Amino acid sequence: MPGHPTYFDRDNNYMKDRDYWLKVILATMLGTYTYKRIRLESDRARMTARLEGYKNLPGHHFHNRGGIVTYKQFVGFEKYH
Protein backbone atom coordinates (compact mmCIF):
# COMPACT_ATOMS: atom_id res chain seq x y z
CA MET A 1 0.00 0.00 0.00
CA PRO A 2 1.27 3.49 -0.80
CA GLY A 3 2.09 5.71 2.14
CA HIS A 4 0.44 8.79 0.62
CA PRO A 5 -3.02 9.40 -0.78
CA THR A 6 -3.59 9.07 -4.52
CA TYR A 7 -3.90 12.30 -6.46
CA PHE A 8 -6.49 12.32 -9.23
CA ASP A 9 -5.99 15.02 -11.85
CA ARG A 10 -9.63 15.57 -12.75
CA ASP A 11 -9.11 19.04 -14.36
CA ASN A 12 -6.08 18.00 -16.46
CA ASN A 13 -3.91 20.63 -14.77
CA TYR A 14 -0.78 18.60 -15.45
CA MET A 15 -1.22 18.83 -19.24
CA LYS A 16 -2.35 22.48 -19.10
CA ASP A 17 0.89 23.46 -17.42
CA ARG A 18 3.03 21.44 -19.84
CA ASP A 19 1.06 22.76 -22.80
CA TYR A 20 1.68 26.38 -21.71
CA TRP A 21 5.45 25.95 -21.43
CA LEU A 22 5.60 24.08 -24.73
CA LYS A 23 3.88 27.04 -26.40
CA VAL A 24 6.27 29.50 -24.73
CA ILE A 25 9.34 27.57 -25.86
CA LEU A 26 8.06 27.16 -29.43
CA ALA A 27 7.08 30.84 -29.65
CA THR A 28 10.57 31.84 -28.46
CA MET A 29 12.22 29.59 -31.02
CA LEU A 30 9.99 30.86 -33.81
CA GLY A 31 10.59 34.48 -32.81
CA THR A 32 14.36 33.98 -32.79
CA TYR A 33 14.30 32.27 -36.18
CA THR A 34 12.08 35.02 -37.64
CA TYR A 35 14.34 37.78 -36.30
CA LYS A 36 17.48 36.18 -37.73
CA ARG A 37 15.77 35.46 -41.05
CA ILE A 38 14.55 39.07 -41.40
CA ARG A 39 18.09 40.35 -40.75
CA LEU A 40 19.51 37.94 -43.33
CA GLU A 41 16.97 38.87 -45.99
CA SER A 42 17.39 42.62 -45.38
CA ASP A 43 21.17 42.25 -45.82
CA ARG A 44 20.56 40.28 -49.00
CA ALA A 45 18.19 42.96 -50.33
CA ARG A 46 20.74 45.70 -49.55
CA MET A 47 23.49 43.77 -51.33
CA THR A 48 21.28 43.18 -54.37
CA ALA A 49 20.30 46.87 -54.54
CA ARG A 50 23.95 47.88 -54.26
CA LEU A 51 25.05 45.49 -57.00
CA GLU A 52 22.27 46.69 -59.34
CA GLY A 53 24.22 49.91 -59.89
CA TYR A 54 27.34 48.03 -60.99
CA LYS A 55 25.86 45.63 -63.53
CA ASN A 56 26.24 48.00 -66.52
CA LEU A 57 29.81 49.00 -65.69
CA PRO A 58 32.94 47.13 -66.75
CA GLY A 59 34.94 45.52 -63.98
CA HIS A 60 37.84 47.95 -64.19
CA HIS A 61 35.64 50.84 -62.97
CA PHE A 62 35.45 49.67 -59.36
CA HIS A 63 37.48 48.02 -56.61
CA ASN A 64 36.29 44.88 -54.85
CA ARG A 65 38.20 44.56 -51.60
CA GLY A 66 36.87 41.65 -49.58
CA GLY A 67 33.26 42.21 -50.61
CA ILE A 68 33.40 46.01 -50.21
CA VAL A 69 32.77 47.52 -53.62
CA THR A 70 33.86 51.13 -54.27
CA TYR A 71 34.15 53.22 -57.41
CA LYS A 72 37.60 54.07 -58.69
CA GLN A 73 38.37 57.75 -59.07
CA PHE A 74 39.30 58.72 -62.60
CA VAL A 75 42.14 61.26 -62.58
CA GLY A 76 42.98 61.36 -66.28
CA PHE A 77 45.75 59.99 -68.43
CA GLU A 78 48.54 62.24 -67.21
CA LYS A 79 51.40 60.67 -65.34
CA TYR A 80 52.29 61.80 -61.88
CA HIS A 81 55.82 63.17 -61.61
PDB file of N, CA and C in Angstrom:
ATOM      1  N   MET A   1       0.836  -1.191   0.000  1.00  0.00           N
ATOM      2  CA  MET A   1       0.000   0.000   0.000  1.00  0.00           C
ATOM      3  C   MET A   1       0.872   1.243   0.000  1.00  0.00           C
ATOM      4  N   PRO A   2       0.492   2.251  -0.804  1.00  0.00           N
ATOM      5  CA  PRO A   2       1.267   3.489  -0.799  1.00  0.00           C
ATOM      6  C   PRO A   2       1.098   4.227   0.529  1.00  0.00           C
ATOM      7  N   GLY A   3       2.121   4.966   0.890  1.00  0.00           N
ATOM      8  CA  GLY A   3       2.086   5.705   2.143  1.00  0.00           C
ATOM      9  C   GLY A   3       1.466   7.078   2.013  1.00  0.00           C
ATOM     10  N   HIS A   4       1.048   7.467   0.828  1.00  0.00           N
ATOM     11  CA  HIS A   4       0.442   8.785   0.624  1.00  0.00           C
ATOM     12  C   HIS A   4      -0.840   8.617  -0.176  1.00  0.00           C
ATOM     13  N   PRO A   5      -1.756   9.545  -0.062  1.00  0.00           N
ATOM     14  CA  PRO A   5      -3.019   9.402  -0.785  1.00  0.00           C
ATOM     15  C   PRO A   5      -2.825   9.599  -2.287  1.00  0.00           C
ATOM     16  N   THR A   6      -3.642   8.963  -3.066  1.00  0.00           N
ATOM     17  CA  THR A   6      -3.588   9.067  -4.519  1.00  0.00           C
ATOM     18  C   THR A   6      -4.152  10.407  -4.970  1.00  0.00           C
ATOM     19  N   TYR A   7      -3.445  11.020  -5.919  1.00  0.00           N
ATOM     20  CA  TYR A   7      -3.902  12.301  -6.464  1.00  0.00           C
ATOM     21  C   TYR A   7      -4.544  12.042  -7.825  1.00  0.00           C
ATOM     22  N   PHE A   8      -5.792  12.462  -7.959  1.00  0.00           N
ATOM     23  CA  PHE A   8      -6.494  12.325  -9.228  1.00  0.00           C
ATOM     24  C   PHE A   8      -6.538  13.683  -9.901  1.00  0.00           C
ATOM     25  N   ASP A   9      -6.012  13.757 -11.109  1.00  0.00           N
ATOM     26  CA  ASP A   9      -5.992  15.022 -11.855  1.00  0.00           C
ATOM     27  C   ASP A   9      -7.272  15.100 -12.687  1.00  0.00           C
ATOM     28  N   ARG A  10      -8.331  15.552 -12.078  1.00  0.00           N
ATOM     29  CA  ARG A  10      -9.627  15.571 -12.746  1.00  0.00           C
ATOM     30  C   ARG A  10      -9.762  16.746 -13.715  1.00  0.00           C
ATOM     31  N   ASP A  11      -9.009  17.844 -13.503  1.00  0.00           N
ATOM     32  CA  ASP A  11      -9.109  19.038 -14.362  1.00  0.00           C
ATOM     33  C   ASP A  11      -8.021  19.087 -15.431  1.00  0.00           C
ATOM     34  N   ASN A  12      -7.210  18.058 -15.514  1.00  0.00           N
ATOM     35  CA  ASN A  12      -6.085  18.002 -16.460  1.00  0.00           C
ATOM     36  C   ASN A  12      -5.121  19.168 -16.275  1.00  0.00           C
ATOM     37  N   ASN A  13      -4.835  19.531 -15.050  1.00  0.00           N
ATOM     38  CA  ASN A  13      -3.906  20.631 -14.767  1.00  0.00           C
ATOM     39  C   ASN A  13      -2.484  20.285 -15.180  1.00  0.00           C
ATOM     40  N   TYR A  14      -2.129  19.029 -15.081  1.00  0.00           N
ATOM     41  CA  TYR A  14      -0.781  18.601 -15.453  1.00  0.00           C
ATOM     42  C   TYR A  14      -0.508  18.935 -16.918  1.00  0.00           C
ATOM     43  N   MET A  15      -1.413  18.576 -17.805  1.00  0.00           N
ATOM     44  CA  MET A  15      -1.217  18.833 -19.239  1.00  0.00           C
ATOM     45  C   MET A  15      -1.370  20.310 -19.568  1.00  0.00           C
ATOM     46  N   LYS A  16      -2.209  21.041 -18.842  1.00  0.00           N
ATOM     47  CA  LYS A  16      -2.348  22.476 -19.105  1.00  0.00           C
ATOM     48  C   LYS A  16      -1.039  23.196 -18.832  1.00  0.00           C
ATOM     49  N   ASP A  17      -0.383  22.842 -17.756  1.00  0.00           N
ATOM     50  CA  ASP A  17       0.891  23.464 -17.420  1.00  0.00           C
ATOM     51  C   ASP A  17       1.952  23.115 -18.452  1.00  0.00           C
ATOM     52  N   ARG A  18       2.040  21.862 -18.842  1.00  0.00           N
ATOM     53  CA  ARG A  18       3.034  21.442 -19.841  1.00  0.00           C
ATOM     54  C   ARG A  18       2.726  22.064 -21.194  1.00  0.00           C
ATOM     55  N   ASP A  19       1.462  22.161 -21.529  1.00  0.00           N
ATOM     56  CA  ASP A  19       1.060  22.761 -22.798  1.00  0.00           C
ATOM     57  C   ASP A  19       1.458  24.238 -22.857  1.00  0.00           C
ATOM     58  N   TYR A  20       1.316  24.964 -21.761  1.00  0.00           N
ATOM     59  CA  TYR A  20       1.684  26.381 -21.708  1.00  0.00           C
ATOM     60  C   TYR A  20       3.175  26.552 -21.968  1.00  0.00           C
ATOM     61  N   TRP A  21       4.008  25.789 -21.269  1.00  0.00           N
ATOM     62  CA  TRP A  21       5.446  25.955 -21.432  1.00  0.00           C
ATOM     63  C   TRP A  21       5.925  25.485 -22.806  1.00  0.00           C
ATOM     64  N   LEU A  22       5.268  24.491 -23.378  1.00  0.00           N
ATOM     65  CA  LEU A  22       5.604  24.082 -24.734  1.00  0.00           C
ATOM     66  C   LEU A  22       5.340  25.228 -25.708  1.00  0.00           C
ATOM     67  N   LYS A  23       4.205  25.911 -25.533  1.00  0.00           N
ATOM     68  CA  LYS A  23       3.883  27.040 -26.403  1.00  0.00           C
ATOM     69  C   LYS A  23       4.877  28.181 -26.218  1.00  0.00           C
ATOM     70  N   VAL A  24       5.291  28.437 -24.989  1.00  0.00           N
ATOM     71  CA  VAL A  24       6.267  29.503 -24.728  1.00  0.00           C
ATOM     72  C   VAL A  24       7.602  29.182 -25.402  1.00  0.00           C
ATOM     73  N   ILE A  25       8.060  27.953 -25.265  1.00  0.00           N
ATOM     74  CA  ILE A  25       9.343  27.565 -25.859  1.00  0.00           C
ATOM     75  C   ILE A  25       9.270  27.621 -27.380  1.00  0.00           C
ATOM     76  N   LEU A  26       8.198  27.118 -27.972  1.00  0.00           N
ATOM     77  CA  LEU A  26       8.063  27.161 -29.432  1.00  0.00           C
ATOM     78  C   LEU A  26       7.936  28.581 -29.952  1.00  0.00           C
ATOM     79  N   ALA A  27       7.217  29.437 -29.235  1.00  0.00           N
ATOM     80  CA  ALA A  27       7.085  30.840 -29.652  1.00  0.00           C
ATOM     81  C   ALA A  27       8.434  31.552 -29.583  1.00  0.00           C
ATOM     82  N   THR A  28       9.227  31.250 -28.571  1.00  0.00           N
ATOM     83  CA  THR A  28      10.565  31.840 -28.460  1.00  0.00           C
ATOM     84  C   THR A  28      11.459  31.383 -29.607  1.00  0.00           C
ATOM     85  N   MET A  29      11.413  30.101 -29.909  1.00  0.00           N
ATOM     86  CA  MET A  29      12.224  29.590 -31.019  1.00  0.00           C
ATOM     87  C   MET A  29      11.784  30.186 -32.348  1.00  0.00           C
ATOM     88  N   LEU A  30      10.490  30.281 -32.576  1.00  0.00           N
ATOM     89  CA  LEU A  30       9.985  30.858 -33.808  1.00  0.00           C
ATOM     90  C   LEU A  30      10.332  32.345 -33.912  1.00  0.00           C
ATOM     91  N   GLY A  31      10.226  33.057 -32.812  1.00  0.00           N
ATOM     92  CA  GLY A  31      10.587  34.478 -32.806  1.00  0.00           C
ATOM     93  C   GLY A  31      12.058  34.692 -33.113  1.00  0.00           C
ATOM     94  N   THR A  32      12.920  33.878 -32.531  1.00  0.00           N
ATOM     95  CA  THR A  32      14.359  33.982 -32.788  1.00  0.00           C
ATOM     96  C   THR A  32      14.670  33.678 -34.244  1.00  0.00           C
ATOM     97  N   TYR A  33      14.075  32.621 -34.777  1.00  0.00           N
ATOM     98  CA  TYR A  33      14.298  32.272 -36.184  1.00  0.00           C
ATOM     99  C   TYR A  33      13.812  33.392 -37.106  1.00  0.00           C
ATOM    100  N   THR A  34      12.629  33.946 -36.810  1.00  0.00           N
ATOM    101  CA  THR A  34      12.082  35.019 -37.640  1.00  0.00           C
ATOM    102  C   THR A  34      12.976  36.250 -37.604  1.00  0.00           C
ATOM    103  N   TYR A  35      13.463  36.618 -36.428  1.00  0.00           N
ATOM    104  CA  TYR A  35      14.341  37.783 -36.298  1.00  0.00           C
ATOM    105  C   TYR A  35      15.621  37.596 -37.114  1.00  0.00           C
ATOM    106  N   LYS A  36      16.238  36.431 -36.982  1.00  0.00           N
ATOM    107  CA  LYS A  36      17.476  36.181 -37.728  1.00  0.00           C
ATOM    108  C   LYS A  36      17.222  36.125 -39.234  1.00  0.00           C
ATOM    109  N   ARG A  37      16.090  35.558 -39.625  1.00  0.00           N
ATOM    110  CA  ARG A  37      15.767  35.463 -41.053  1.00  0.00           C
ATOM    111  C   ARG A  37      15.501  36.843 -41.656  1.00  0.00           C
ATOM    112  N   ILE A  38      14.820  37.709 -40.910  1.00  0.00           N
ATOM    113  CA  ILE A  38      14.552  39.070 -41.398  1.00  0.00           C
ATOM    114  C   ILE A  38      15.865  39.827 -41.569  1.00  0.00           C
ATOM    115  N   ARG A  39      16.793  39.681 -40.617  1.00  0.00           N
ATOM    116  CA  ARG A  39      18.095  40.351 -40.752  1.00  0.00           C
ATOM    117  C   ARG A  39      18.855  39.839 -41.966  1.00  0.00           C
ATOM    118  N   LEU A  40      18.828  38.526 -42.182  1.00  0.00           N
ATOM    119  CA  LEU A  40      19.514  37.944 -43.328  1.00  0.00           C
ATOM    120  C   LEU A  40      18.926  38.446 -44.635  1.00  0.00           C
ATOM    121  N   GLU A  41      17.604  38.446 -44.747  1.00  0.00           N
ATOM    122  CA  GLU A  41      16.966  38.873 -45.987  1.00  0.00           C
ATOM    123  C   GLU A  41      17.135  40.371 -46.229  1.00  0.00           C
ATOM    124  N   SER A  42      17.163  41.181 -45.182  1.00  0.00           N
ATOM    125  CA  SER A  42      17.386  42.619 -45.384  1.00  0.00           C
ATOM    126  C   SER A  42      18.817  42.876 -45.862  1.00  0.00           C
ATOM    127  N   ASP A  43      19.790  42.124 -45.325  1.00  0.00           N
ATOM    128  CA  ASP A  43      21.170  42.245 -45.820  1.00  0.00           C
ATOM    129  C   ASP A  43      21.259  41.818 -47.273  1.00  0.00           C
ATOM    130  N   ARG A  44      20.556  40.752 -47.623  1.00  0.00           N
ATOM    131  CA  ARG A  44      20.557  40.282 -49.002  1.00  0.00           C
ATOM    132  C   ARG A  44      19.941  41.313 -49.944  1.00  0.00           C
ATOM    133  N   ALA A  45      18.843  41.939 -49.504  1.00  0.00           N
ATOM    134  CA  ALA A  45      18.188  42.961 -50.326  1.00  0.00           C
ATOM    135  C   ALA A  45      19.092  44.175 -50.506  1.00  0.00           C
ATOM    136  N   ARG A  46      19.804  44.578 -49.441  1.00  0.00           N
ATOM    137  CA  ARG A  46      20.742  45.699 -49.553  1.00  0.00           C
ATOM    138  C   ARG A  46      21.870  45.385 -50.512  1.00  0.00           C
ATOM    139  N   MET A  47      22.400  44.164 -50.444  1.00  0.00           N
ATOM    140  CA  MET A  47      23.487  43.769 -51.335  1.00  0.00           C
ATOM    141  C   MET A  47      23.011  43.752 -52.788  1.00  0.00           C
ATOM    142  N   THR A  48      21.820  43.222 -53.019  1.00  0.00           N
ATOM    143  CA  THR A  48      21.285  43.182 -54.372  1.00  0.00           C
ATOM    144  C   THR A  48      21.059  44.589 -54.917  1.00  0.00           C
ATOM    145  N   ALA A  49      20.524  45.485 -54.100  1.00  0.00           N
ATOM    146  CA  ALA A  49      20.304  46.867 -54.536  1.00  0.00           C
ATOM    147  C   ALA A  49      21.630  47.557 -54.837  1.00  0.00           C
ATOM    148  N   ARG A  50      22.650  47.272 -54.028  1.00  0.00           N
ATOM    149  CA  ARG A  50      23.954  47.880 -54.257  1.00  0.00           C
ATOM    150  C   ARG A  50      24.581  47.363 -55.545  1.00  0.00           C
ATOM    151  N   LEU A  51      24.437  46.067 -55.801  1.00  0.00           N
ATOM    152  CA  LEU A  51      25.050  45.493 -56.998  1.00  0.00           C
ATOM    153  C   LEU A  51      24.290  45.848 -58.273  1.00  0.00           C
ATOM    154  N   GLU A  52      23.039  46.284 -58.160  1.00  0.00           N
ATOM    155  CA  GLU A  52      22.274  46.687 -59.344  1.00  0.00           C
ATOM    156  C   GLU A  52      22.938  47.862 -60.047  1.00  0.00           C
ATOM    157  N   GLY A  53      23.567  48.745 -59.291  1.00  0.00           N
ATOM    158  CA  GLY A  53      24.222  49.906 -59.885  1.00  0.00           C
ATOM    159  C   GLY A  53      25.490  49.562 -60.638  1.00  0.00           C
ATOM    160  N   TYR A  54      26.066  48.405 -60.376  1.00  0.00           N
ATOM    161  CA  TYR A  54      27.337  48.031 -60.995  1.00  0.00           C
ATOM    162  C   TYR A  54      27.184  47.117 -62.206  1.00  0.00           C
ATOM    163  N   LYS A  55      25.973  46.675 -62.499  1.00  0.00           N
ATOM    164  CA  LYS A  55      25.861  45.631 -63.526  1.00  0.00           C
ATOM    165  C   LYS A  55      26.132  46.155 -64.931  1.00  0.00           C
ATOM    166  N   ASN A  56      25.988  47.460 -65.180  1.00  0.00           N
ATOM    167  CA  ASN A  56      26.237  48.000 -66.516  1.00  0.00           C
ATOM    168  C   ASN A  56      27.641  48.572 -66.669  1.00  0.00           C
ATOM    169  N   LEU A  57      28.453  48.474 -65.633  1.00  0.00           N
ATOM    170  CA  LEU A  57      29.815  49.001 -65.692  1.00  0.00           C
ATOM    171  C   LEU A  57      30.813  47.871 -65.905  1.00  0.00           C
ATOM    172  N   PRO A  58      31.887  48.141 -66.638  1.00  0.00           N
ATOM    173  CA  PRO A  58      32.939  47.127 -66.752  1.00  0.00           C
ATOM    174  C   PRO A  58      33.665  46.968 -65.411  1.00  0.00           C
ATOM    175  N   GLY A  59      34.304  45.849 -65.254  1.00  0.00           N
ATOM    176  CA  GLY A  59      34.936  45.524 -63.981  1.00  0.00           C
ATOM    177  C   GLY A  59      36.073  46.437 -63.578  1.00  0.00           C
ATOM    178  N   HIS A  60      36.705  47.106 -64.544  1.00  0.00           N
ATOM    179  CA  HIS A  60      37.839  47.945 -64.188  1.00  0.00           C
ATOM    180  C   HIS A  60      37.398  49.310 -63.657  1.00  0.00           C
ATOM    181  N   HIS A  61      36.114  49.559 -63.485  1.00  0.00           N
ATOM    182  CA  HIS A  61      35.636  50.842 -62.970  1.00  0.00           C
ATOM    183  C   HIS A  61      35.447  50.834 -61.455  1.00  0.00           C
ATOM    184  N   PHE A  62      35.621  49.693 -60.806  1.00  0.00           N
ATOM    185  CA  PHE A  62      35.454  49.670 -59.357  1.00  0.00           C
ATOM    186  C   PHE A  62      36.391  48.667 -58.712  1.00  0.00           C
ATOM    187  N   HIS A  63      36.658  48.909 -57.431  1.00  0.00           N
ATOM    188  CA  HIS A  63      37.480  48.022 -56.614  1.00  0.00           C
ATOM    189  C   HIS A  63      36.565  47.075 -55.866  1.00  0.00           C
ATOM    190  N   ASN A  64      36.987  45.827 -55.716  1.00  0.00           N
ATOM    191  CA  ASN A  64      36.290  44.877 -54.854  1.00  0.00           C
ATOM    192  C   ASN A  64      37.307  44.368 -53.845  1.00  0.00           C
ATOM    193  N   ARG A  65      37.250  44.929 -52.647  1.00  0.00           N
ATOM    194  CA  ARG A  65      38.202  44.561 -51.600  1.00  0.00           C
ATOM    195  C   ARG A  65      37.475  43.787 -50.516  1.00  0.00           C
ATOM    196  N   GLY A  66      37.482  42.483 -50.599  1.00  0.00           N
ATOM    197  CA  GLY A  66      36.865  41.654 -49.578  1.00  0.00           C
ATOM    198  C   GLY A  66      35.364  41.833 -49.489  1.00  0.00           C
ATOM    199  N   GLY A  67      34.704  42.047 -50.596  1.00  0.00           N
ATOM    200  CA  GLY A  67      33.258  42.210 -50.607  1.00  0.00           C
ATOM    201  C   GLY A  67      32.807  43.652 -50.497  1.00  0.00           C
ATOM    202  N   ILE A  68      33.742  44.588 -50.269  1.00  0.00           N
ATOM    203  CA  ILE A  68      33.402  46.009 -50.208  1.00  0.00           C
ATOM    204  C   ILE A  68      33.693  46.597 -51.579  1.00  0.00           C
ATOM    205  N   VAL A  69      32.635  47.032 -52.261  1.00  0.00           N
ATOM    206  CA  VAL A  69      32.768  47.522 -53.621  1.00  0.00           C
ATOM    207  C   VAL A  69      32.742  49.044 -53.603  1.00  0.00           C
ATOM    208  N   THR A  70      33.795  49.661 -54.185  1.00  0.00           N
ATOM    209  CA  THR A  70      33.859  51.129 -54.270  1.00  0.00           C
ATOM    210  C   THR A  70      34.240  51.518 -55.690  1.00  0.00           C
ATOM    211  N   TYR A  71      33.792  52.695 -56.090  1.00  0.00           N
ATOM    212  CA  TYR A  71      34.145  53.218 -57.407  1.00  0.00           C
ATOM    213  C   TYR A  71      35.589  53.694 -57.412  1.00  0.00           C
ATOM    214  N   LYS A  72      36.269  53.503 -58.530  1.00  0.00           N
ATOM    215  CA  LYS A  72      37.596  54.072 -58.692  1.00  0.00           C
ATOM    216  C   LYS A  72      37.438  55.537 -59.078  1.00  0.00           C
ATOM    217  N   GLN A  73      38.390  56.343 -58.672  1.00  0.00           N
ATOM    218  CA  GLN A  73      38.373  57.746 -59.069  1.00  0.00           C
ATOM    219  C   GLN A  73      39.199  57.897 -60.340  1.00  0.00           C
ATOM    220  N   PHE A  74      38.609  58.512 -61.323  1.00  0.00           N
ATOM    221  CA  PHE A  74      39.301  58.718 -62.596  1.00  0.00           C
ATOM    222  C   PHE A  74      40.026  60.057 -62.541  1.00  0.00           C
ATOM    223  N   VAL A  75      41.363  60.031 -62.685  1.00  0.00           N
ATOM    224  CA  VAL A  75      42.145  61.263 -62.582  1.00  0.00           C
ATOM    225  C   VAL A  75      42.685  61.700 -63.928  1.00  0.00           C
ATOM    226  N   GLY A  76      42.473  60.977 -64.963  1.00  0.00           N
ATOM    227  CA  GLY A  76      42.978  61.364 -66.275  1.00  0.00           C
ATOM    228  C   GLY A  76      44.119  60.466 -66.711  1.00  0.00           C
ATOM    229  N   PHE A  77      44.692  60.818 -67.845  1.00  0.00           N
ATOM    230  CA  PHE A  77      45.748  59.988 -68.428  1.00  0.00           C
ATOM    231  C   PHE A  77      47.134  60.544 -68.169  1.00  0.00           C
ATOM    232  N   GLU A  78      47.223  61.644 -67.451  1.00  0.00           N
ATOM    233  CA  GLU A  78      48.541  62.237 -67.211  1.00  0.00           C
ATOM    234  C   GLU A  78      49.264  61.442 -66.144  1.00  0.00           C
ATOM    235  N   LYS A  79      50.585  61.351 -66.320  1.00  0.00           N
ATOM    236  CA  LYS A  79      51.395  60.665 -65.344  1.00  0.00           C
ATOM    237  C   LYS A  79      51.712  61.602 -64.197  1.00  0.00           C
ATOM    238  N   TYR A  80      51.865  61.007 -63.029  1.00  0.00           N
ATOM    239  CA  TYR A  80      52.292  61.802 -61.875  1.00  0.00           C
ATOM    240  C   TYR A  80      53.810  61.845 -61.860  1.00  0.00           C
ATOM    241  N   HIS A  81      54.366  63.031 -61.638  1.00  0.00           N
ATOM    242  CA  HIS A  81      55.820  63.170 -61.613  1.00  0.00           C
ATOM    243  C   HIS A  81      56.280  63.505 -60.221  1.00  0.00           C
TER     244      HIS A  81
END
